[in-house]
Amino acid sequence: MINKIKFHLMRSVPNLAMKRWLAERAAKRVGKAKNYKGSTVLPSQLDAKEGLKSLEESGFCDFGQVLDQKMIDEIMNSVKALKCFDPFRANLDSLDPMDPPAETHVANYRRSELSRLEPILKLANDPSILNIVASFLGAQPTISNVNMWWSYSGHNEAEQAQNFHRDFDDIKFCKLFIYLTDVEKENGPHVFVKGSSNQSKLLKIKRYTDSQIEEAFGPENILEFVRPKGSMFLVDTYGFHKGLLPQKGNRLILQIQYSLGPILIENYEPQAIGNRKRYDPYVNRLILDQS
């Protein structure tokens, strides 16, 4: 109950200046980040300084197509036997992602199952990503969520996060998105409003229409991430964003969230895996059992 109260108080921060002041204080409590070292599985097309600059100024860092087919296949094979759930329909909690019910817009895999998978853990803990995230947060990062979901075509109206919104998960955080299928405009690309993470406009927690966003930020700043599979981008999703309603095919996306602390309304179940010592215990404290 206390965590839920803290969560809703955090979401009620009235403006960007106050939010940044609180984030700086929280970062000091967490402590300075390490220089994360080790082998990288990501041939990043952006160096750390450029990536951080883009994330801070524009609200996103676009790495380009960095996963090869082998890495994509490793992820796809690791989830092949897993069931999904419809996050907006409690009765649909064990569905086949390859054969979803007609009413399902999105089907999510479970964090507790994703967190045990080596291909995903390697990506989430890649030092090239952790160093950018740590610089952005100003402190040691925590992996506070691991999510992967299918978005399905065949629907006439957008639902939930398929409408523009800001995320208020923590006082400061960012999310890594990885396309595991090719995403053209008709497949439902991620849409982000460039620069909106640095503006105190439309702070009421609600879904917004396209026309409201265009009027506030200008249509020229609404970017659609049409990219091939294997593409990856790091986003400050305090900025406005949505997943465009797919008109054709199905989209699969992997998302890793990094923040200063736990998301206070989440119930974490750290998973026991045999090779946990490969991964930083602080970064992974919410998803991997350290005992």
C-alpha atoms as a PDB file:
ATOM      1  CA  MET A   1       0.000   0.000   0.000  1.00  0.00           C
ATOM      2  CA  ILE A   2       2.824   2.442   0.893  1.00  0.00           C
ATOM      3  CA  ASN A   3       4.534   1.801  -2.440  1.00  0.00           C
ATOM      4  CA  LYS A   4       1.303   2.465  -4.315  1.00  0.00           C
ATOM      5  CA  ILE A   5       0.880   5.780  -2.492  1.00  0.00           C
ATOM      6  CA  LYS A   6       4.483   6.733  -3.344  1.00  0.00           C
ATOM      7  CA  PHE A   7       3.892   5.733  -6.957  1.00  0.00           C
ATOM      8  CA  HIS A   8       0.851   7.956  -7.342  1.00  0.00           C
ATOM      9  CA  LEU A   9       2.610  10.855  -5.601  1.00  0.00           C
ATOM     10  CA  MET A  10       5.511  10.512  -8.042  1.00  0.00           C
ATOM     11  CA  ARG A  11       3.084  10.582 -10.978  1.00  0.00           C
ATOM     12  CA  SER A  12       1.585  13.824  -9.686  1.00  0.00           C
ATOM     13  CA  VAL A  13       4.818  15.858  -9.974  1.00  0.00           C
ATOM     14  CA  PRO A  14       3.511  19.085 -11.569  1.00  0.00           C
ATOM     15  CA  ASN A  15       6.241  20.069 -14.024  1.00  0.00           C
ATOM     16  CA  LEU A  16       9.492  19.079 -15.688  1.00  0.00           C
ATOM     17  CA  ALA A  17      11.744  21.272 -13.522  1.00  0.00           C
ATOM     18  CA  MET A  18      10.478  19.638 -10.321  1.00  0.00           C
ATOM     19  CA  LYS A  19      10.721  16.204 -11.914  1.00  0.00           C
ATOM     20  CA  ARG A  20      14.381  16.774 -12.822  1.00  0.00           C
ATOM     21  CA  TRP A  21      15.220  18.105  -9.353  1.00  0.00           C
ATOM     22  CA  LEU A  22      13.708  15.010  -7.749  1.00  0.00           C
ATOM     23  CA  ALA A  23      15.524  12.770 -10.239  1.00  0.00           C
ATOM     24  CA  GLU A  24      18.874  14.347  -9.343  1.00  0.00           C
ATOM     25  CA  ARG A  25      18.241  13.771  -5.644  1.00  0.00           C
ATOM     26  CA  ALA A  26      17.215  10.171  -6.300  1.00  0.00           C
ATOM     27  CA  ALA A  27      20.327   9.588  -8.428  1.00  0.00           C
ATOM     28  CA  LYS A  28      22.565  10.812  -5.606  1.00  0.00           C
ATOM     29  CA  ARG A  29      20.941   8.345  -3.229  1.00  0.00           C
ATOM     30  CA  VAL A  30      21.516   5.493  -5.671  1.00  0.00           C
ATOM     31  CA  GLY A  31      25.126   6.417  -6.281  1.00  0.00           C
ATOM     32  CA  LYS A  32      27.434   6.879  -9.239  1.00  0.00           C
ATOM     33  CA  ALA A  33      27.443   4.296 -11.973  1.00  0.00           C
ATOM     34  CA  LYS A  34      30.307   2.013 -12.803  1.00  0.00           C
ATOM     35  CA  ASN A  35      32.032   2.003 -16.134  1.00  0.00           C
ATOM     36  CA  TYR A  36      30.428  -1.212 -17.349  1.00  0.00           C
ATOM     37  CA  LYS A  37      32.920  -3.402 -19.145  1.00  0.00           C
ATOM     38  CA  GLY A  38      32.947  -6.714 -20.938  1.00  0.00           C
ATOM     39  CA  SER A  39      32.214  -8.081 -24.375  1.00  0.00           C
ATOM     40  CA  THR A  40      29.370  -6.531 -26.310  1.00  0.00           C
ATOM     41  CA  VAL A  41      26.957  -8.407 -28.556  1.00  0.00           C
ATOM     42  CA  LEU A  42      25.832  -5.163 -30.173  1.00  0.00           C
ATOM     43  CA  PRO A  43      27.844  -3.604 -33.011  1.00  0.00           C
ATOM     44  CA  SER A  44      26.412  -0.171 -32.109  1.00  0.00           C
ATOM     45  CA  GLN A  45      26.388   2.446 -34.868  1.00  0.00           C
ATOM     46  CA  LEU A  46      26.431   5.257 -32.286  1.00  0.00           C
ATOM     47  CA  ASP A  47      29.112   5.905 -29.695  1.00  0.00           C
ATOM     48  CA  ALA A  48      28.168   6.498 -26.074  1.00  0.00           C
ATOM     49  CA  LYS A  49      28.545  10.296 -26.200  1.00  0.00           C
ATOM     50  CA  GLU A  50      26.410  10.659 -29.309  1.00  0.00           C
ATOM     51  CA  GLY A  51      23.848   8.219 -27.962  1.00  0.00           C
ATOM     52  CA  LEU A  52      23.524  10.118 -24.693  1.00  0.00           C
ATOM     53  CA  LYS A  53      23.274  13.473 -26.472  1.00  0.00           C
ATOM     54  CA  SER A  54      20.497  12.215 -28.723  1.00  0.00           C
ATOM     55  CA  LEU A  55      18.598  10.650 -25.813  1.00  0.00           C
ATOM     56  CA  GLU A  56      18.791  13.837 -23.750  1.00  0.00           C
ATOM     57  CA  GLU A  57      18.006  16.298 -26.535  1.00  0.00           C
ATOM     58  CA  SER A  58      15.575  14.439 -28.777  1.00  0.00           C
ATOM     59  CA  GLY A  59      14.248  11.823 -26.343  1.00  0.00           C
ATOM     60  CA  PHE A  60      15.580   8.808 -28.252  1.00  0.00           C
ATOM     61  CA  CYS A  61      18.756   7.176 -29.463  1.00  0.00           C
ATOM     62  CA  ASP A  62      18.469   5.203 -32.711  1.00  0.00           C
ATOM     63  CA  PHE A  63      21.065   2.420 -32.956  1.00  0.00           C
ATOM     64  CA  GLY A  64      19.920   1.202 -36.350  1.00  0.00           C
ATOM     65  CA  GLN A  65      19.752  -2.456 -37.344  1.00  0.00           C
ATOM     66  CA  VAL A  66      22.152  -4.116 -34.898  1.00  0.00           C
ATOM     67  CA  LEU A  67      20.797  -7.633 -34.302  1.00  0.00           C
ATOM     68  CA  ASP A  68      21.664 -10.191 -36.946  1.00  0.00           C
ATOM     69  CA  GLN A  69      19.384 -13.074 -37.894  1.00  0.00           C
ATOM     70  CA  LYS A  70      21.215 -15.481 -35.595  1.00  0.00           C
ATOM     71  CA  MET A  71      20.530 -13.306 -32.544  1.00  0.00           C
ATOM     72  CA  ILE A  72      16.893 -12.849 -33.561  1.00  0.00           C
ATOM     73  CA  ASP A  73      16.495 -16.603 -34.006  1.00  0.00           C
ATOM     74  CA  GLU A  74      17.982 -17.211 -30.542  1.00  0.00           C
ATOM     75  CA  ILE A  75      15.362 -14.966 -28.967  1.00  0.00           C
ATOM     76  CA  MET A  76      12.505 -16.376 -31.030  1.00  0.00           C
ATOM     77  CA  ASN A  77      13.487 -19.964 -30.257  1.00  0.00           C
ATOM     78  CA  SER A  78      13.774 -19.224 -26.537  1.00  0.00           C
ATOM     79  CA  VAL A  79      10.113 -18.104 -26.334  1.00  0.00           C
ATOM     80  CA  LYS A  80       8.667 -20.669 -28.742  1.00  0.00           C
ATOM     81  CA  ALA A  81       7.012 -22.755 -26.011  1.00  0.00           C
ATOM     82  CA  LEU A  82       5.732 -19.806 -23.947  1.00  0.00           C
ATOM     83  CA  LYS A  83       2.127 -18.694 -23.651  1.00  0.00           C
ATOM     84  CA  CYS A  84       1.022 -15.056 -23.604  1.00  0.00           C
ATOM     85  CA  PHE A  85      -1.710 -13.052 -21.924  1.00  0.00           C
ATOM     86  CA  ASP A  86      -3.961 -10.203 -23.012  1.00  0.00           C
ATOM     87  CA  PRO A  87      -3.131  -7.346 -20.575  1.00  0.00           C
ATOM     88  CA  PHE A  88      -6.578  -5.787 -21.037  1.00  0.00           C
ATOM     89  CA  ARG A  89      -8.714  -8.939 -20.748  1.00  0.00           C
ATOM     90  CA  ALA A  90      -8.135 -10.866 -17.537  1.00  0.00           C
ATOM     91  CA  ASN A  91      -9.907 -13.960 -18.847  1.00  0.00           C
ATOM     92  CA  LEU A  92      -7.328 -14.362 -21.622  1.00  0.00           C
ATOM     93  CA  ASP A  93      -4.313 -15.268 -19.482  1.00  0.00           C
ATOM     94  CA  SER A  94      -2.916 -18.257 -21.370  1.00  0.00           C
ATOM     95  CA  LEU A  95      -3.175 -17.758 -25.099  1.00  0.00           C
ATOM     96  CA  ASP A  96      -1.219 -19.012 -28.064  1.00  0.00           C
ATOM     97  CA  PRO A  97       0.526 -15.963 -29.590  1.00  0.00           C
ATOM     98  CA  MET A  98       0.366 -17.611 -33.001  1.00  0.00           C
ATOM     99  CA  ASP A  99      -3.409 -18.022 -32.760  1.00  0.00           C
ATOM    100  CA  PRO A 100      -4.810 -15.159 -30.661  1.00  0.00           C
ATOM    101  CA  PRO A 101      -8.513 -14.558 -29.962  1.00  0.00           C
ATOM    102  CA  ALA A 102     -10.160 -12.163 -32.393  1.00  0.00           C
ATOM    103  CA  GLU A 103     -10.596  -9.442 -29.757  1.00  0.00           C
ATOM    104  CA  THR A 104      -6.939  -9.377 -28.689  1.00  0.00           C
ATOM    105  CA  HIS A 105      -4.938  -6.337 -29.833  1.00  0.00           C
ATOM    106  CA  VAL A 106      -1.718  -7.206 -28.001  1.00  0.00           C
ATOM    107  CA  ALA A 107      -0.398 -10.377 -26.350  1.00  0.00           C
ATOM    108  CA  ASN A 108       2.342 -10.084 -23.727  1.00  0.00           C
ATOM    109  CA  TYR A 109       4.873 -12.613 -22.528  1.00  0.00           C
ATOM    110  CA  ARG A 110       5.478 -12.764 -18.772  1.00  0.00           C
ATOM    111  CA  ARG A 111       8.446 -10.983 -17.196  1.00  0.00           C
ATOM    112  CA  SER A 112       9.122 -13.940 -14.898  1.00  0.00           C
ATOM    113  CA  GLU A 113       9.646 -16.180 -17.938  1.00  0.00           C
ATOM    114  CA  LEU A 114      11.511 -13.675 -20.111  1.00  0.00           C
ATOM    115  CA  SER A 115      13.953 -12.871 -17.286  1.00  0.00           C
ATOM    116  CA  ARG A 116      15.295 -16.429 -17.316  1.00  0.00           C
ATOM    117  CA  LEU A 117      16.269 -16.394 -20.990  1.00  0.00           C
ATOM    118  CA  GLU A 118      19.945 -16.029 -21.811  1.00  0.00           C
ATOM    119  CA  PRO A 119      19.567 -14.233 -25.187  1.00  0.00           C
ATOM    120  CA  ILE A 120      17.434 -11.548 -23.536  1.00  0.00           C
ATOM    121  CA  LEU A 121      19.658 -11.207 -20.473  1.00  0.00           C
ATOM    122  CA  LYS A 122      22.714 -10.734 -22.680  1.00  0.00           C
ATOM    123  CA  LEU A 123      21.048  -7.887 -24.538  1.00  0.00           C
ATOM    124  CA  ALA A 124      19.659  -6.246 -21.422  1.00  0.00           C
ATOM    125  CA  ASN A 125      23.101  -6.311 -19.772  1.00  0.00           C
ATOM    126  CA  ASP A 126      25.172  -5.301 -22.755  1.00  0.00           C
ATOM    127  CA  PRO A 127      27.812  -2.838 -21.477  1.00  0.00           C
ATOM    128  CA  SER A 128      27.366  -0.523 -24.468  1.00  0.00           C
ATOM    129  CA  ILE A 129      23.731  -0.051 -23.435  1.00  0.00           C
ATOM    130  CA  LEU A 130      24.342   0.096 -19.679  1.00  0.00           C
ATOM    131  CA  ASN A 131      26.908   2.874 -20.047  1.00  0.00           C
ATOM    132  CA  ILE A 132      24.530   5.103 -22.021  1.00  0.00           C
ATOM    133  CA  VAL A 133      21.683   4.383 -19.622  1.00  0.00           C
ATOM    134  CA  ALA A 134      23.860   5.035 -16.561  1.00  0.00           C
ATOM    135  CA  SER A 135      24.963   8.390 -17.960  1.00  0.00           C
ATOM    136  CA  PHE A 136      21.370   9.313 -18.739  1.00  0.00           C
ATOM    137  CA  LEU A 137      20.118   8.374 -15.267  1.00  0.00           C
ATOM    138  CA  GLY A 138      23.143   9.839 -13.498  1.00  0.00           C
ATOM    139  CA  ALA A 139      23.430   6.711 -11.367  1.00  0.00           C
ATOM    140  CA  GLN A 140      23.589   2.927 -11.439  1.00  0.00           C
ATOM    141  CA  PRO A 141      20.674   1.649 -13.501  1.00  0.00           C
ATOM    142  CA  THR A 142      18.194  -0.993 -12.442  1.00  0.00           C
ATOM    143  CA  ILE A 143      16.454  -3.268 -14.926  1.00  0.00           C
ATOM    144  CA  SER A 144      12.908  -2.629 -13.748  1.00  0.00           C
ATOM    145  CA  ASN A 145      10.988  -4.454 -16.454  1.00  0.00           C
ATOM    146  CA  VAL A 146      11.449  -6.964 -19.251  1.00  0.00           C
ATOM    147  CA  ASN A 147       8.570  -7.089 -21.680  1.00  0.00           C
ATOM    148  CA  MET A 148       7.838  -8.566 -25.077  1.00  0.00           C
ATOM    149  CA  TRP A 149       4.565  -8.510 -26.951  1.00  0.00           C
ATOM    150  CA  TRP A 150       2.802  -9.139 -30.214  1.00  0.00           C
ATOM    151  CA  SER A 151       0.623  -6.450 -31.775  1.00  0.00           C
ATOM    152  CA  TYR A 152      -2.032  -7.830 -34.111  1.00  0.00           C
ATOM    153  CA  SER A 153      -3.727  -6.362 -37.144  1.00  0.00           C
ATOM    154  CA  GLY A 154      -7.419  -6.814 -37.955  1.00  0.00           C
ATOM    155  CA  HIS A 155      -8.874  -4.133 -35.665  1.00  0.00           C
ATOM    156  CA  ASN A 156     -10.619  -0.905 -36.586  1.00  0.00           C
ATOM    157  CA  GLU A 157      -9.874   1.169 -33.496  1.00  0.00           C
ATOM    158  CA  ALA A 158      -6.730   1.753 -31.460  1.00  0.00           C
ATOM    159  CA  GLU A 159      -6.710   0.417 -27.901  1.00  0.00           C
ATOM    160  CA  GLN A 160      -4.855   1.649 -24.791  1.00  0.00           C
ATOM    161  CA  ALA A 161      -1.153   2.291 -25.604  1.00  0.00           C
ATOM    162  CA  GLN A 162      -1.973   2.453 -29.309  1.00  0.00           C
ATOM    163  CA  ASN A 163      -2.993   6.043 -28.476  1.00  0.00           C
ATOM    164  CA  PHE A 164      -0.537   8.816 -27.611  1.00  0.00           C
ATOM    165  CA  HIS A 165       0.522   8.958 -23.962  1.00  0.00           C
ATOM    166  CA  ARG A 166       3.401   9.677 -21.614  1.00  0.00           C
ATOM    167  CA  ASP A 167       4.830   7.026 -19.279  1.00  0.00           C
ATOM    168  CA  PHE A 168       5.125   7.948 -15.584  1.00  0.00           C
ATOM    169  CA  ASP A 169       6.735   4.719 -14.373  1.00  0.00           C
ATOM    170  CA  ASP A 170       9.506   6.271 -12.261  1.00  0.00           C
ATOM    171  CA  ILE A 171      10.996   9.692 -11.620  1.00  0.00           C
ATOM    172  CA  LYS A 172      13.538   8.944 -14.371  1.00  0.00           C
ATOM    173  CA  PHE A 173      13.813   5.963 -16.690  1.00  0.00           C
ATOM    174  CA  CYS A 174      14.237   4.904 -20.304  1.00  0.00           C
ATOM    175  CA  LYS A 175      13.263   1.905 -22.393  1.00  0.00           C
ATOM    176  CA  LEU A 176      15.158  -0.127 -24.969  1.00  0.00           C
ATOM    177  CA  PHE A 177      13.009  -1.302 -27.895  1.00  0.00           C
ATOM    178  CA  ILE A 178      14.091  -4.078 -30.264  1.00  0.00           C
ATOM    179  CA  TYR A 179      12.108  -5.069 -33.351  1.00  0.00           C
ATOM    180  CA  LEU A 180      11.991  -8.838 -33.833  1.00  0.00           C
ATOM    181  CA  THR A 181       9.887  -8.594 -37.004  1.00  0.00           C
ATOM    182  CA  ASP A 182      10.148  -6.238 -39.966  1.00  0.00           C
ATOM    183  CA  VAL A 183       8.055  -3.147 -39.291  1.00  0.00           C
ATOM    184  CA  GLU A 184       6.663  -1.121 -42.171  1.00  0.00           C
ATOM    185  CA  LYS A 185       4.043   1.595 -41.686  1.00  0.00           C
ATOM    186  CA  GLU A 186       1.167  -0.887 -42.023  1.00  0.00           C
ATOM    187  CA  ASN A 187       2.701  -3.205 -39.378  1.00  0.00           C
ATOM    188  CA  GLY A 188       2.287  -0.744 -36.487  1.00  0.00           C
ATOM    189  CA  PRO A 189       5.593   1.085 -35.950  1.00  0.00           C
ATOM    190  CA  HIS A 190       6.560   2.725 -32.677  1.00  0.00           C
ATOM    191  CA  VAL A 191       5.722   6.424 -32.913  1.00  0.00           C
ATOM    192  CA  PHE A 192       7.569   9.051 -30.859  1.00  0.00           C
ATOM    193  CA  VAL A 193       7.210  12.813 -30.562  1.00  0.00           C
ATOM    194  CA  LYS A 194      10.704  14.257 -30.851  1.00  0.00           C
ATOM    195  CA  GLY A 195      11.584  16.665 -28.043  1.00  0.00           C
ATOM    196  CA  SER A 196       8.396  16.064 -26.039  1.00  0.00           C
ATOM    197  CA  SER A 197      10.340  14.534 -23.131  1.00  0.00           C
ATOM    198  CA  ASN A 198      11.821  18.000 -22.528  1.00  0.00           C
ATOM    199  CA  GLN A 199       8.550  19.938 -22.562  1.00  0.00           C
ATOM    200  CA  SER A 200       5.946  20.497 -19.861  1.00  0.00           C
ATOM    201  CA  LYS A 201       2.960  20.288 -22.175  1.00  0.00           C
ATOM    202  CA  LEU A 202      -0.081  18.040 -21.786  1.00  0.00           C
ATOM    203  CA  LEU A 203       0.922  16.614 -18.401  1.00  0.00           C
ATOM    204  CA  LYS A 204      -2.475  15.198 -17.485  1.00  0.00           C
ATOM    205  CA  ILE A 205      -2.259  11.413 -17.350  1.00  0.00           C
ATOM    206  CA  LYS A 206      -4.564  10.291 -20.167  1.00  0.00           C
ATOM    207  CA  ARG A 207      -4.586   9.169 -23.787  1.00  0.00           C
ATOM    208  CA  TYR A 208      -4.350  11.957 -26.364  1.00  0.00           C
ATOM    209  CA  THR A 209      -5.594  12.201 -29.933  1.00  0.00           C
ATOM    210  CA  ASP A 210      -3.314  12.677 -32.922  1.00  0.00           C
ATOM    211  CA  SER A 211      -4.723  16.175 -33.470  1.00  0.00           C
ATOM    212  CA  GLN A 212      -3.967  17.204 -29.867  1.00  0.00           C
ATOM    213  CA  ILE A 213      -0.364  16.056 -30.224  1.00  0.00           C
ATOM    214  CA  GLU A 214       0.085  17.728 -33.601  1.00  0.00           C
ATOM    215  CA  GLU A 215      -1.272  21.003 -32.256  1.00  0.00           C
ATOM    216  CA  ALA A 216       1.004  20.920 -29.194  1.00  0.00           C
ATOM    217  CA  PHE A 217       4.264  19.743 -30.783  1.00  0.00           C
ATOM    218  CA  GLY A 218       3.906  20.102 -34.560  1.00  0.00           C
ATOM    219  CA  PRO A 219       3.391  17.284 -37.076  1.00  0.00           C
ATOM    220  CA  GLU A 220       7.031  17.525 -38.162  1.00  0.00           C
ATOM    221  CA  ASN A 221       8.108  16.129 -34.778  1.00  0.00           C
ATOM    222  CA  ILE A 222       5.943  13.011 -34.910  1.00  0.00           C
ATOM    223  CA  LEU A 223       8.328  10.246 -35.975  1.00  0.00           C
ATOM    224  CA  GLU A 224       7.371   6.749 -37.091  1.00  0.00           C
ATOM    225  CA  PHE A 225      10.066   4.156 -36.492  1.00  0.00           C
ATOM    226  CA  VAL A 226       9.698   2.151 -39.698  1.00  0.00           C
ATOM    227  CA  ARG A 227      12.635  -0.226 -39.461  1.00  0.00           C
ATOM    228  CA  PRO A 228      13.706  -3.785 -40.399  1.00  0.00           C
ATOM    229  CA  LYS A 229      13.841  -6.533 -37.794  1.00  0.00           C
ATOM    230  CA  GLY A 230      16.921  -6.316 -35.614  1.00  0.00           C
ATOM    231  CA  SER A 231      16.570  -2.551 -35.271  1.00  0.00           C
ATOM    232  CA  MET A 232      16.967  -1.084 -31.809  1.00  0.00           C
ATOM    233  CA  PHE A 233      16.315   2.287 -30.189  1.00  0.00           C
ATOM    234  CA  LEU A 234      16.531   3.653 -26.661  1.00  0.00           C
ATOM    235  CA  VAL A 235      13.699   6.009 -25.682  1.00  0.00           C
ATOM    236  CA  ASP A 236      12.795   8.332 -22.829  1.00  0.00           C
ATOM    237  CA  THR A 237       9.120   7.406 -22.852  1.00  0.00           C
ATOM    238  CA  TYR A 238       8.192  10.278 -20.581  1.00  0.00           C
ATOM    239  CA  GLY A 239       7.995  11.797 -24.048  1.00  0.00           C
ATOM    240  CA  PHE A 240       4.795  11.171 -25.984  1.00  0.00           C
ATOM    241  CA  HIS A 241       4.620   7.926 -27.897  1.00  0.00           C
ATOM    242  CA  LYS A 242       2.326   5.136 -29.055  1.00  0.00           C
ATOM    243  CA  GLY A 243       2.339   1.915 -31.019  1.00  0.00           C
ATOM    244  CA  LEU A 244       0.516   2.609 -34.268  1.00  0.00           C
ATOM    245  CA  LEU A 245      -2.479   0.325 -34.813  1.00  0.00           C
ATOM    246  CA  PRO A 246      -1.302  -2.381 -37.268  1.00  0.00           C
ATOM    247  CA  GLN A 247      -3.234  -2.606 -40.507  1.00  0.00           C
ATOM    248  CA  LYS A 248      -1.393  -5.627 -41.876  1.00  0.00           C
ATOM    249  CA  GLY A 249       0.597  -8.495 -40.361  1.00  0.00           C
ATOM    250  CA  ASN A 250       1.738  -8.766 -36.746  1.00  0.00           C
ATOM    251  CA  ARG A 251       4.548  -6.964 -34.920  1.00  0.00           C
ATOM    252  CA  LEU A 252       6.806  -8.464 -32.243  1.00  0.00           C
ATOM    253  CA  ILE A 253       8.840  -6.146 -30.042  1.00  0.00           C
ATOM    254  CA  LEU A 254      11.159  -6.700 -27.073  1.00  0.00           C
ATOM    255  CA  GLN A 255      11.425  -3.972 -24.437  1.00  0.00           C
ATOM    256  CA  ILE A 256      13.890  -3.572 -21.552  1.00  0.00           C
ATOM    257  CA  GLN A 257      13.213  -0.849 -19.014  1.00  0.00           C
ATOM    258  CA  TYR A 258      15.964   0.847 -16.981  1.00  0.00           C
ATOM    259  CA  SER A 259      15.222   3.146 -14.052  1.00  0.00           C
ATOM    260  CA  LEU A 260      16.607   4.555 -10.811  1.00  0.00           C
ATOM    261  CA  GLY A 261      14.623   2.079  -8.748  1.00  0.00           C
ATOM    262  CA  PRO A 262      11.762  -0.400  -8.802  1.00  0.00           C
ATOM    263  CA  ILE A 263       8.461   0.496 -10.409  1.00  0.00           C
ATOM    264  CA  LEU A 264       6.435   0.800  -7.241  1.00  0.00           C
ATOM    265  CA  ILE A 265       3.247  -0.854  -8.469  1.00  0.00           C
ATOM    266  CA  GLU A 266       5.050  -3.894  -9.846  1.00  0.00           C
ATOM    267  CA  ASN A 267       5.286  -7.205  -8.004  1.00  0.00           C
ATOM    268  CA  TYR A 268       8.756  -8.564  -8.674  1.00  0.00           C
ATOM    269  CA  GLU A 269       9.644 -12.246  -8.654  1.00  0.00           C
ATOM    270  CA  PRO A 270      13.441 -12.497  -9.079  1.00  0.00           C
ATOM    271  CA  GLN A 271      14.307 -15.650 -10.976  1.00  0.00           C
ATOM    272  CA  ALA A 272      16.941 -18.213 -10.028  1.00  0.00           C
ATOM    273  CA  ILE A 273      19.268 -19.042 -12.916  1.00  0.00           C
ATOM    274  CA  GLY A 274      22.501 -20.986 -12.944  1.00  0.00           C
ATOM    275  CA  ASN A 275      24.759 -18.304 -14.401  1.00  0.00           C
ATOM    276  CA  ARG A 276      23.528 -15.242 -12.487  1.00  0.00           C
ATOM    277  CA  LYS A 277      27.116 -14.271 -11.557  1.00  0.00           C
ATOM    278  CA  ARG A 278      27.660 -13.242 -15.159  1.00  0.00           C
ATOM    279  CA  TYR A 279      25.394 -10.268 -14.581  1.00  0.00           C
ATOM    280  CA  ASP A 280      25.795  -7.259 -12.326  1.00  0.00           C
ATOM    281  CA  PRO A 281      23.844  -8.036  -9.131  1.00  0.00           C
ATOM    282  CA  TYR A 282      22.642  -4.464  -8.613  1.00  0.00           C
ATOM    283  CA  VAL A 283      21.479  -3.918 -12.197  1.00  0.00           C
ATOM    284  CA  ASN A 284      19.595  -7.226 -12.135  1.00  0.00           C
ATOM    285  CA  ARG A 285      18.397  -7.189  -8.510  1.00  0.00           C
ATOM    286  CA  LEU A 286      14.692  -7.106  -9.445  1.00  0.00           C
ATOM    287  CA  ILE A 287      14.746  -9.866 -12.035  1.00  0.00           C
ATOM    288  CA  LEU A 288      17.446 -12.309 -10.881  1.00  0.00           C
ATOM    289  CA  ASP A 289      17.599 -14.037  -7.520  1.00  0.00           C
ATOM    290  CA  GLN A 290      20.939 -13.165  -5.925  1.00  0.00           C
ATOM    291  CA  SER A 291      20.791 -15.722  -3.092  1.00  0.00           C
END
